[in-house]
PDB file of N, CA and C in Angstrom:
ATOM      1  N   MET A   1       0.813  -1.178   0.055  1.00  0.00           N
ATOM      2  CA  MET A   1       0.063  -0.042   0.021  1.00  0.00           C
ATOM      3  C   MET A   1       0.874   1.277  -0.019  1.00  0.00           C
ATOM      4  N   THR A   2       0.249   2.309  -0.520  1.00  0.00           N
ATOM      5  CA  THR A   2       0.953   3.635  -0.498  1.00  0.00           C
ATOM      6  C   THR A   2       0.141   4.626   0.288  1.00  0.00           C
ATOM      7  N   ILE A   3       0.783   5.342   1.294  1.00  0.00           N
ATOM      8  CA  ILE A   3       0.195   6.306   2.077  1.00  0.00           C
ATOM      9  C   ILE A   3       1.104   7.628   2.102  1.00  0.00           C
ATOM     10  N   GLU A   4       0.465   8.742   1.723  1.00  0.00           N
ATOM     11  CA  GLU A   4       1.171  10.010   1.640  1.00  0.00           C
ATOM     12  C   GLU A   4       2.446   9.904   0.689  1.00  0.00           C
ATOM     13  N   GLY A   5       2.380   9.141  -0.257  1.00  0.00           N
ATOM     14  CA  GLY A   5       3.578   8.946  -1.145  1.00  0.00           C
ATOM     15  C   GLY A   5       4.598   8.051  -0.611  1.00  0.00           C
ATOM     16  N   VAL A   6       4.357   7.331   0.540  1.00  0.00           N
ATOM     17  CA  VAL A   6       5.261   6.515   1.194  1.00  0.00           C
ATOM     18  C   VAL A   6       4.885   5.044   0.926  1.00  0.00           C
ATOM     19  N   GLU A   7       5.653   4.229   0.222  1.00  0.00           N
ATOM     20  CA  GLU A   7       5.373   2.876   0.079  1.00  0.00           C
ATOM     21  C   GLU A   7       5.519   2.040   1.328  1.00  0.00           C
ATOM     22  N   VAL A   8       4.459   1.334   1.695  1.00  0.00           N
ATOM     23  CA  VAL A   8       4.359   0.651   2.998  1.00  0.00           C
ATOM     24  C   VAL A   8       4.290  -0.852   2.607  1.00  0.00           C
ATOM     25  N   LYS A   9       5.308  -1.656   3.124  1.00  0.00           N
ATOM     26  CA  LYS A   9       5.418  -3.068   2.994  1.00  0.00           C
ATOM     27  C   LYS A   9       5.109  -3.758   4.382  1.00  0.00           C
ATOM     28  N   ILE A  10       4.182  -4.598   4.433  1.00  0.00           N
ATOM     29  CA  ILE A  10       3.801  -5.274   5.683  1.00  0.00           C
ATOM     30  C   ILE A  10       4.146  -6.827   5.519  1.00  0.00           C
ATOM     31  N   MET A  11       4.853  -7.368   6.509  1.00  0.00           N
ATOM     32  CA  MET A  11       5.142  -8.814   6.412  1.00  0.00           C
ATOM     33  C   MET A  11       4.921  -9.451   7.794  1.00  0.00           C
ATOM     34  N   GLY A  12       3.968 -10.471   7.725  1.00  0.00           N
ATOM     35  CA  GLY A  12       3.615 -11.331   8.729  1.00  0.00           C
ATOM     36  C   GLY A  12       2.529 -10.751   9.621  1.00  0.00           C
ATOM     37  N   LEU A  13       1.866  -9.657   9.267  1.00  0.00           N
ATOM     38  CA  LEU A  13       0.725  -9.029   9.866  1.00  0.00           C
ATOM     39  C   LEU A  13      -0.483  -8.968   8.969  1.00  0.00           C
ATOM     40  N   ASP A  14      -1.346 -10.046   8.984  1.00  0.00           N
ATOM     41  CA  ASP A  14      -2.447 -10.135   8.096  1.00  0.00           C
ATOM     42  C   ASP A  14      -3.514  -9.072   8.359  1.00  0.00           C
ATOM     43  N   ASP A  15      -3.669  -8.667   9.591  1.00  0.00           N
ATOM     44  CA  ASP A  15      -4.767  -7.808   9.846  1.00  0.00           C
ATOM     45  C   ASP A  15      -4.366  -6.237   9.998  1.00  0.00           C
ATOM     46  N   PHE A  16      -3.220  -5.953   9.453  1.00  0.00           N
ATOM     47  CA  PHE A  16      -2.614  -4.622   9.586  1.00  0.00           C
ATOM     48  C   PHE A  16      -3.536  -3.672   8.751  1.00  0.00           C
ATOM     49  N   THR A  17      -3.801  -2.459   9.371  1.00  0.00           N
ATOM     50  CA  THR A  17      -4.646  -1.470   8.775  1.00  0.00           C
ATOM     51  C   THR A  17      -3.987  -0.314   8.294  1.00  0.00           C
ATOM     52  N   GLU A  18      -4.620   0.575   7.525  1.00  0.00           N
ATOM     53  CA  GLU A  18      -3.929   1.790   6.909  1.00  0.00           C
ATOM     54  C   GLU A  18      -3.671   2.724   8.147  1.00  0.00           C
ATOM     55  N   GLN A  19      -4.535   2.668   9.033  1.00  0.00           N
ATOM     56  CA  GLN A  19      -4.441   3.554  10.298  1.00  0.00           C
ATOM     57  C   GLN A  19      -3.142   3.253  10.973  1.00  0.00           C
ATOM     58  N   GLU A  20      -2.862   2.012  11.201  1.00  0.00           N
ATOM     59  CA  GLU A  20      -1.735   1.513  11.825  1.00  0.00           C
ATOM     60  C   GLU A  20      -0.466   1.849  10.999  1.00  0.00           C
ATOM     61  N   ALA A  21      -0.519   1.770   9.673  1.00  0.00           N
ATOM     62  CA  ALA A  21       0.581   2.154   8.852  1.00  0.00           C
ATOM     63  C   ALA A  21       0.862   3.676   9.029  1.00  0.00           C
ATOM     64  N   GLN A  22      -0.236   4.447   9.019  1.00  0.00           N
ATOM     65  CA  GLN A  22      -0.100   5.842   9.272  1.00  0.00           C
ATOM     66  C   GLN A  22       0.585   6.205  10.526  1.00  0.00           C
ATOM     67  N   LYS A  23       0.286   5.528  11.590  1.00  0.00           N
ATOM     68  CA  LYS A  23       1.022   5.675  12.852  1.00  0.00           C
ATOM     69  C   LYS A  23       2.481   5.464  12.738  1.00  0.00           C
ATOM     70  N   TYR A  24       2.910   4.385  12.092  1.00  0.00           N
ATOM     71  CA  TYR A  24       4.359   4.023  11.940  1.00  0.00           C
ATOM     72  C   TYR A  24       5.016   5.124  11.040  1.00  0.00           C
ATOM     73  N   ILE A  25       4.339   5.565  10.139  1.00  0.00           N
ATOM     74  CA  ILE A  25       4.879   6.660   9.210  1.00  0.00           C
ATOM     75  C   ILE A  25       5.105   7.900   9.997  1.00  0.00           C
ATOM     76  N   ASP A  26       4.116   8.242  10.828  1.00  0.00           N
ATOM     77  CA  ASP A  26       4.191   9.462  11.665  1.00  0.00           C
ATOM     78  C   ASP A  26       5.327   9.260  12.737  1.00  0.00           C
ATOM     79  N   TYR A  27       5.532   8.108  13.295  1.00  0.00           N
ATOM     80  CA  TYR A  27       6.551   7.854  14.228  1.00  0.00           C
ATOM     81  C   TYR A  27       7.916   8.165  13.590  1.00  0.00           C
ATOM     82  N   VAL A  28       8.108   7.471  12.420  1.00  0.00           N
ATOM     83  CA  VAL A  28       9.477   7.738  11.719  1.00  0.00           C
ATOM     84  C   VAL A  28       9.675   9.155  11.338  1.00  0.00           C
ATOM     85  N   LYS A  29       8.610   9.779  10.806  1.00  0.00           N
ATOM     86  CA  LYS A  29       8.775  11.223  10.387  1.00  0.00           C
ATOM     87  C   LYS A  29       9.097  12.136  11.603  1.00  0.00           C
ATOM     88  N   GLU A  30       8.675  11.788  12.754  1.00  0.00           N
ATOM     89  CA  GLU A  30       9.070  12.670  13.857  1.00  0.00           C
ATOM     90  C   GLU A  30      10.505  12.603  14.175  1.00  0.00           C
ATOM     91  N   ARG A  31      11.170  11.423  13.781  1.00  0.00           N
ATOM     92  CA  ARG A  31      12.550  11.247  14.174  1.00  0.00           C
ATOM     93  C   ARG A  31      13.578  11.499  12.984  1.00  0.00           C
ATOM     94  N   VAL A  32      13.188  11.782  11.795  1.00  0.00           N
ATOM     95  CA  VAL A  32      14.016  12.016  10.712  1.00  0.00           C
ATOM     96  C   VAL A  32      13.649  13.434  10.023  1.00  0.00           C
ATOM     97  N   GLU A  33      14.704  13.949   9.345  1.00  0.00           N
ATOM     98  CA  GLU A  33      14.379  15.309   8.709  1.00  0.00           C
ATOM     99  C   GLU A  33      14.156  15.074   7.286  1.00  0.00           C
ATOM    100  N   ASP A  34      14.839  14.120   6.605  1.00  0.00           N
ATOM    101  CA  ASP A  34      14.669  13.923   5.264  1.00  0.00           C
ATOM    102  C   ASP A  34      13.338  13.200   4.849  1.00  0.00           C
ATOM    103  N   PRO A  35      12.752  13.383   3.598  1.00  0.00           N
ATOM    104  CA  PRO A  35      11.485  12.862   3.181  1.00  0.00           C
ATOM    105  C   PRO A  35      11.673  11.215   3.192  1.00  0.00           C
ATOM    106  N   LEU A  36      10.630  10.617   3.656  1.00  0.00           N
ATOM    107  CA  LEU A  36      10.440   9.225   3.791  1.00  0.00           C
ATOM    108  C   LEU A  36      10.039   8.502   2.461  1.00  0.00           C
ATOM    109  N   LYS A  37      10.808   7.642   1.945  1.00  0.00           N
ATOM    110  CA  LYS A  37      10.522   6.951   0.631  1.00  0.00           C
ATOM    111  C   LYS A  37       9.672   5.695   0.941  1.00  0.00           C
ATOM    112  N   SER A  38      10.055   4.837   1.810  1.00  0.00           N
ATOM    113  CA  SER A  38       9.422   3.626   2.123  1.00  0.00           C
ATOM    114  C   SER A  38       9.484   3.163   3.435  1.00  0.00           C
ATOM    115  N   ILE A  39       8.693   2.308   3.920  1.00  0.00           N
ATOM    116  CA  ILE A  39       8.776   1.774   5.310  1.00  0.00           C
ATOM    117  C   ILE A  39       8.279   0.315   5.177  1.00  0.00           C
ATOM    118  N   GLU A  40       8.974  -0.543   5.930  1.00  0.00           N
ATOM    119  CA  GLU A  40       8.658  -2.019   5.942  1.00  0.00           C
ATOM    120  C   GLU A  40       8.504  -2.364   7.422  1.00  0.00           C
ATOM    121  N   VAL A  41       7.270  -2.898   7.699  1.00  0.00           N
ATOM    122  CA  VAL A  41       6.983  -3.408   9.057  1.00  0.00           C
ATOM    123  C   VAL A  41       6.899  -4.877   9.053  1.00  0.00           C
ATOM    124  N   LYS A  42       7.617  -5.587   9.863  1.00  0.00           N
ATOM    125  CA  LYS A  42       7.734  -7.003   9.914  1.00  0.00           C
ATOM    126  C   LYS A  42       7.486  -7.667  11.284  1.00  0.00           C
ATOM    127  N   LEU A  43       6.702  -8.600  11.364  1.00  0.00           N
ATOM    128  CA  LEU A  43       6.573  -9.272  12.579  1.00  0.00           C
ATOM    129  C   LEU A  43       7.655 -10.253  12.846  1.00  0.00           C
ATOM    130  N   CYS A  44       8.422 -10.122  13.980  1.00  0.00           N
ATOM    131  CA  CYS A  44       9.525 -11.024  14.299  1.00  0.00           C
ATOM    132  C   CYS A  44       9.068 -12.240  14.997  1.00  0.00           C
ATOM    133  N   ASP A  45       9.964 -13.182  15.137  1.00  0.00           N
ATOM    134  CA  ASP A  45       9.646 -14.518  15.699  1.00  0.00           C
ATOM    135  C   ASP A  45       9.331 -14.389  17.316  1.00  0.00           C
ATOM    136  N   ASP A  46       9.944 -13.288  17.869  1.00  0.00           N
ATOM    137  CA  ASP A  46       9.665 -13.093  19.337  1.00  0.00           C
ATOM    138  C   ASP A  46       8.404 -12.330  19.573  1.00  0.00           C
ATOM    139  N   GLY A  47       7.590 -11.982  18.471  1.00  0.00           N
ATOM    140  CA  GLY A  47       6.258 -11.189  18.655  1.00  0.00           C
ATOM    141  C   GLY A  47       6.473  -9.693  18.586  1.00  0.00           C
ATOM    142  N   LYS A  48       7.686  -9.270  18.559  1.00  0.00           N
ATOM    143  CA  LYS A  48       7.975  -7.821  18.393  1.00  0.00           C
ATOM    144  C   LYS A  48       7.858  -7.421  16.967  1.00  0.00           C
ATOM    145  N   VAL A  49       7.806  -6.123  16.703  1.00  0.00           N
ATOM    146  CA  VAL A  49       7.624  -5.601  15.337  1.00  0.00           C
ATOM    147  C   VAL A  49       9.026  -4.922  14.911  1.00  0.00           C
ATOM    148  N   ASP A  50       9.514  -5.276  13.777  1.00  0.00           N
ATOM    149  CA  ASP A  50      10.675  -4.597  13.255  1.00  0.00           C
ATOM    150  C   ASP A  50      10.316  -3.601  12.177  1.00  0.00           C
ATOM    151  N   VAL A  51      10.731  -2.330  12.361  1.00  0.00           N
ATOM    152  CA  VAL A  51      10.446  -1.288  11.448  1.00  0.00           C
ATOM    153  C   VAL A  51      11.689  -0.822  10.775  1.00  0.00           C
ATOM    154  N   ASP A  52      11.692  -0.985   9.397  1.00  0.00           N
ATOM    155  CA  ASP A  52      12.835  -0.524   8.617  1.00  0.00           C
ATOM    156  C   ASP A  52      12.249   0.505   7.605  1.00  0.00           C
ATOM    157  N   TYR A  53      13.102   1.523   7.376  1.00  0.00           N
ATOM    158  CA  TYR A  53      12.653   2.576   6.502  1.00  0.00           C
ATOM    159  C   TYR A  53      13.771   3.090   5.547  1.00  0.00           C
ATOM    160  N   THR A  54      13.347   3.667   4.418  1.00  0.00           N
ATOM    161  CA  THR A  54      14.258   4.175   3.469  1.00  0.00           C
ATOM    162  C   THR A  54      13.929   5.680   3.223  1.00  0.00           C
ATOM    163  N   LEU A  55      14.954   6.509   3.200  1.00  0.00           N
ATOM    164  CA  LEU A  55      14.762   7.898   2.956  1.00  0.00           C
ATOM    165  C   LEU A  55      14.951   8.161   1.578  1.00  0.00           C
ATOM    166  N   GLN A  56      14.315   9.243   1.005  1.00  0.00           N
ATOM    167  CA  GLN A  56      14.568   9.718  -0.358  1.00  0.00           C
ATOM    168  C   GLN A  56      15.892  10.390  -0.491  1.00  0.00           C
ATOM    169  N   GLY A  57      16.646  10.149  -1.402  1.00  0.00           N
ATOM    170  CA  GLY A  57      17.942  10.745  -1.569  1.00  0.00           C
ATOM    171  C   GLY A  57      17.839  12.202  -2.123  1.00  0.00           C
ATOM    172  N   GLU A  58      18.822  12.980  -1.822  1.00  0.00           N
ATOM    173  CA  GLU A  58      18.917  14.251  -2.302  1.00  0.00           C
ATOM    174  C   GLU A  58      19.305  14.375  -3.857  1.00  0.00           C
ATOM    175  N   LYS A  59      18.543  15.151  -4.609  1.00  0.00           N
ATOM    176  CA  LYS A  59      18.960  15.259  -5.981  1.00  0.00           C
ATOM    177  C   LYS A  59      20.072  16.211  -6.120  1.00  0.00           C
ATOM    178  N   PHE A  60      21.019  15.967  -6.981  1.00  0.00           N
ATOM    179  CA  PHE A  60      22.124  16.742  -7.134  1.00  0.00           C
ATOM    180  C   PHE A  60      22.557  16.853  -8.663  1.00  0.00           C
ATOM    181  N   GLU A  61      23.192  17.946  -8.982  1.00  0.00           N
ATOM    182  CA  GLU A  61      23.669  18.115 -10.397  1.00  0.00           C
ATOM    183  C   GLU A  61      25.276  18.023 -10.314  1.00  0.00           C
ATOM    184  N   ARG A  62      25.769  17.288 -11.229  1.00  0.00           N
ATOM    185  CA  ARG A  62      27.262  17.282 -11.326  1.00  0.00           C
ATOM    186  C   ARG A  62      27.700  18.560 -11.993  1.00  0.00           C
ATOM    187  N   ILE A  63      28.719  19.149 -11.302  1.00  0.00           N
ATOM    188  CA  ILE A  63      29.339  20.308 -11.852  1.00  0.00           C
ATOM    189  C   ILE A  63      30.800  20.068 -12.254  1.00  0.00           C
ATOM    190  N   ARG A  64      31.216  20.582 -13.306  1.00  0.00           N
ATOM    191  CA  ARG A  64      32.524  20.381 -13.726  1.00  0.00           C
ATOM    192  C   ARG A  64      33.284  21.713 -13.891  1.00  0.00           C
ATOM    193  N   ARG A  65      34.581  21.736 -13.718  1.00  0.00           N
ATOM    194  CA  ARG A  65      35.345  22.924 -13.932  1.00  0.00           C
ATOM    195  C   ARG A  65      36.332  22.644 -14.867  1.00  0.00           C
ATOM    196  N   ILE A  66      36.242  23.249 -16.162  1.00  0.00           N
ATOM    197  CA  ILE A  66      37.215  22.821 -17.085  1.00  0.00           C
ATOM    198  C   ILE A  66      37.695  24.211 -17.716  1.00  0.00           C
ATOM    199  N   THR A  67      38.961  24.476 -17.593  1.00  0.00           N
ATOM    200  CA  THR A  67      39.618  25.796 -18.133  1.00  0.00           C
ATOM    201  C   THR A  67      38.696  26.953 -18.021  1.00  0.00           C
ATOM    202  N   GLY A  68      38.322  27.300 -16.719  1.00  0.00           N
ATOM    203  CA  GLY A  68      37.513  28.538 -16.400  1.00  0.00           C
ATOM    204  C   GLY A  68      36.073  28.367 -16.541  1.00  0.00           C
ATOM    205  N   TYR A  69      35.561  27.287 -16.924  1.00  0.00           N
ATOM    206  CA  TYR A  69      34.093  27.172 -17.056  1.00  0.00           C
ATOM    207  C   TYR A  69      33.530  26.368 -15.841  1.00  0.00           C
ATOM    208  N   LEU A  70      32.514  26.782 -15.288  1.00  0.00           N
ATOM    209  CA  LEU A  70      31.876  26.014 -14.215  1.00  0.00           C
ATOM    210  C   LEU A  70      30.396  25.691 -14.697  1.00  0.00           C
ATOM    211  N   THR A  71      30.205  24.386 -14.935  1.00  0.00           N
ATOM    212  CA  THR A  71      28.910  24.017 -15.575  1.00  0.00           C
ATOM    213  C   THR A  71      28.506  22.603 -15.171  1.00  0.00           C
ATOM    214  N   GLY A  72      27.332  22.326 -15.310  1.00  0.00           N
ATOM    215  CA  GLY A  72      26.824  20.916 -15.183  1.00  0.00           C
ATOM    216  C   GLY A  72      26.324  20.298 -16.402  1.00  0.00           C
ATOM    217  N   ASP A  73      26.201  21.122 -17.495  1.00  0.00           N
ATOM    218  CA  ASP A  73      25.815  20.645 -18.671  1.00  0.00           C
ATOM    219  C   ASP A  73      26.598  21.021 -19.837  1.00  0.00           C
ATOM    220  N   VAL A  74      27.177  20.133 -20.573  1.00  0.00           N
ATOM    221  CA  VAL A  74      28.090  20.423 -21.680  1.00  0.00           C
ATOM    222  C   VAL A  74      27.471  20.631 -22.951  1.00  0.00           C
ATOM    223  N   SER A  75      26.113  20.509 -23.022  1.00  0.00           N
ATOM    224  CA  SER A  75      25.455  20.584 -24.326  1.00  0.00           C
ATOM    225  C   SER A  75      25.723  21.838 -25.214  1.00  0.00           C
ATOM    226  N   SER A  76      25.978  23.028 -24.536  1.00  0.00           N
ATOM    227  CA  SER A  76      26.120  24.325 -25.196  1.00  0.00           C
ATOM    228  C   SER A  76      27.636  24.479 -25.563  1.00  0.00           C
ATOM    229  N   TRP A  77      28.508  23.611 -25.159  1.00  0.00           N
ATOM    230  CA  TRP A  77      29.942  23.796 -25.530  1.00  0.00           C
ATOM    231  C   TRP A  77      30.094  23.525 -27.029  1.00  0.00           C
ATOM    232  N   ASN A  78      31.239  24.259 -27.584  1.00  0.00           N
ATOM    233  CA  ASN A  78      31.649  24.027 -28.856  1.00  0.00           C
ATOM    234  C   ASN A  78      32.424  22.739 -28.996  1.00  0.00           C
ATOM    235  N   ASP A  79      32.793  22.283 -30.187  1.00  0.00           N
ATOM    236  CA  ASP A  79      33.467  21.025 -30.408  1.00  0.00           C
ATOM    237  C   ASP A  79      34.827  21.010 -29.629  1.00  0.00           C
ATOM    238  N   ALA A  80      35.584  22.111 -29.655  1.00  0.00           N
ATOM    239  CA  ALA A  80      36.912  22.080 -29.175  1.00  0.00           C
ATOM    240  C   ALA A  80      36.772  21.928 -27.558  1.00  0.00           C
ATOM    241  N   LYS A  81      35.877  22.646 -26.915  1.00  0.00           N
ATOM    242  CA  LYS A  81      35.705  22.413 -25.542  1.00  0.00           C
ATOM    243  C   LYS A  81      35.215  21.044 -25.124  1.00  0.00           C
ATOM    244  N   ARG A  82      34.280  20.500 -25.966  1.00  0.00           N
ATOM    245  CA  ARG A  82      33.858  19.004 -25.665  1.00  0.00           C
ATOM    246  C   ARG A  82      35.011  18.142 -25.881  1.00  0.00           C
ATOM    247  N   SER A  83      35.890  18.390 -26.866  1.00  0.00           N
ATOM    248  CA  SER A  83      37.110  17.521 -27.002  1.00  0.00           C
ATOM    249  C   SER A  83      38.027  17.630 -25.896  1.00  0.00           C
ATOM    250  N   GLU A  84      38.190  18.811 -25.272  1.00  0.00           N
ATOM    251  CA  GLU A  84      39.033  18.998 -24.151  1.00  0.00           C
ATOM    252  C   GLU A  84      38.422  18.225 -22.904  1.00  0.00           C
ATOM    253  N   GLU A  85      37.086  18.259 -22.730  1.00  0.00           N
ATOM    254  CA  GLU A  85      36.483  17.541 -21.607  1.00  0.00           C
ATOM    255  C   GLU A  85      36.760  15.991 -21.809  1.00  0.00           C
ATOM    256  N   SER A  86      36.492  15.414 -23.030  1.00  0.00           N
ATOM    257  CA  SER A  86      36.659  14.025 -23.163  1.00  0.00           C
ATOM    258  C   SER A  86      38.093  13.553 -23.060  1.00  0.00           C
ATOM    259  N   GLU A  87      39.040  14.428 -23.310  1.00  0.00           N
ATOM    260  CA  GLU A  87      40.511  14.010 -23.278  1.00  0.00           C
ATOM    261  C   GLU A  87      41.136  14.128 -21.904  1.00  0.00           C
ATOM    262  N   ARG A  88      40.448  14.741 -21.068  1.00  0.00           N
ATOM    263  CA  ARG A  88      41.139  15.083 -19.762  1.00  0.00           C
ATOM    264  C   ARG A  88      41.242  13.797 -18.860  1.00  0.00           C
ATOM    265  N   VAL A  89      42.208  13.794 -18.051  1.00  0.00           N
ATOM    266  CA  VAL A  89      42.432  12.591 -17.123  1.00  0.00           C
ATOM    267  C   VAL A  89      41.427  12.651 -16.023  1.00  0.00           C
ATOM    268  N   LYS A  90      40.787  11.595 -15.759  1.00  0.00           N
ATOM    269  CA  LYS A  90      39.837  11.599 -14.646  1.00  0.00           C
ATOM    270  C   LYS A  90      40.456  10.675 -13.611  1.00  0.00           C
ATOM    271  N   HIS A  91      40.335  11.226 -12.379  1.00  0.00           N
ATOM    272  CA  HIS A  91      40.952  10.504 -11.243  1.00  0.00           C
ATOM    273  C   HIS A  91      39.891   9.871 -10.338  1.00  0.00           C
ATOM    274  N   ASN A  92      40.109   8.728  -9.761  1.00  0.00           N
ATOM    275  CA  ASN A  92      39.205   8.068  -8.839  1.00  0.00           C
ATOM    276  C   ASN A  92      39.290   8.706  -7.505  1.00  0.00           C
ATOM    277  N   VAL A  93      38.179   8.759  -6.774  1.00  0.00           N
ATOM    278  CA  VAL A  93      38.213   9.208  -5.369  1.00  0.00           C
ATOM    279  C   VAL A  93      37.894   7.968  -4.515  1.00  0.00           C
ATOM    280  N   PHE A  94      38.757   7.801  -3.556  1.00  0.00           N
ATOM    281  CA  PHE A  94      38.619   6.735  -2.506  1.00  0.00           C
ATOM    282  C   PHE A  94      38.210   7.316  -1.197  1.00  0.00           C
ATOM    283  N   ALA A  95      37.219   6.633  -0.549  1.00  0.00           N
ATOM    284  CA  ALA A  95      36.713   7.043   0.716  1.00  0.00           C
ATOM    285  C   ALA A  95      37.665   6.542   1.782  1.00  0.00           C
TER     286      ALA A  95
END
């Protein structure tokens, strides 16, 4: 089911209602700042409920700096500037 744009997955609880799902959504939203993408409510073997959730990621635009230009989109560049971008050495970043 989907409530307020949040995908809700229920496992092991056959009589789970939308009102209960809404309470779990509200509970998680009170504790996180980022938008909620999905929530999974699962009945465990010991009778307790496990709640797992996923947040929506931030959208970002890649920005490149090539010889004085700061841009995220190379579609407006001329052939020489596009060639310069494709020939440059790209370095890996390790965490």
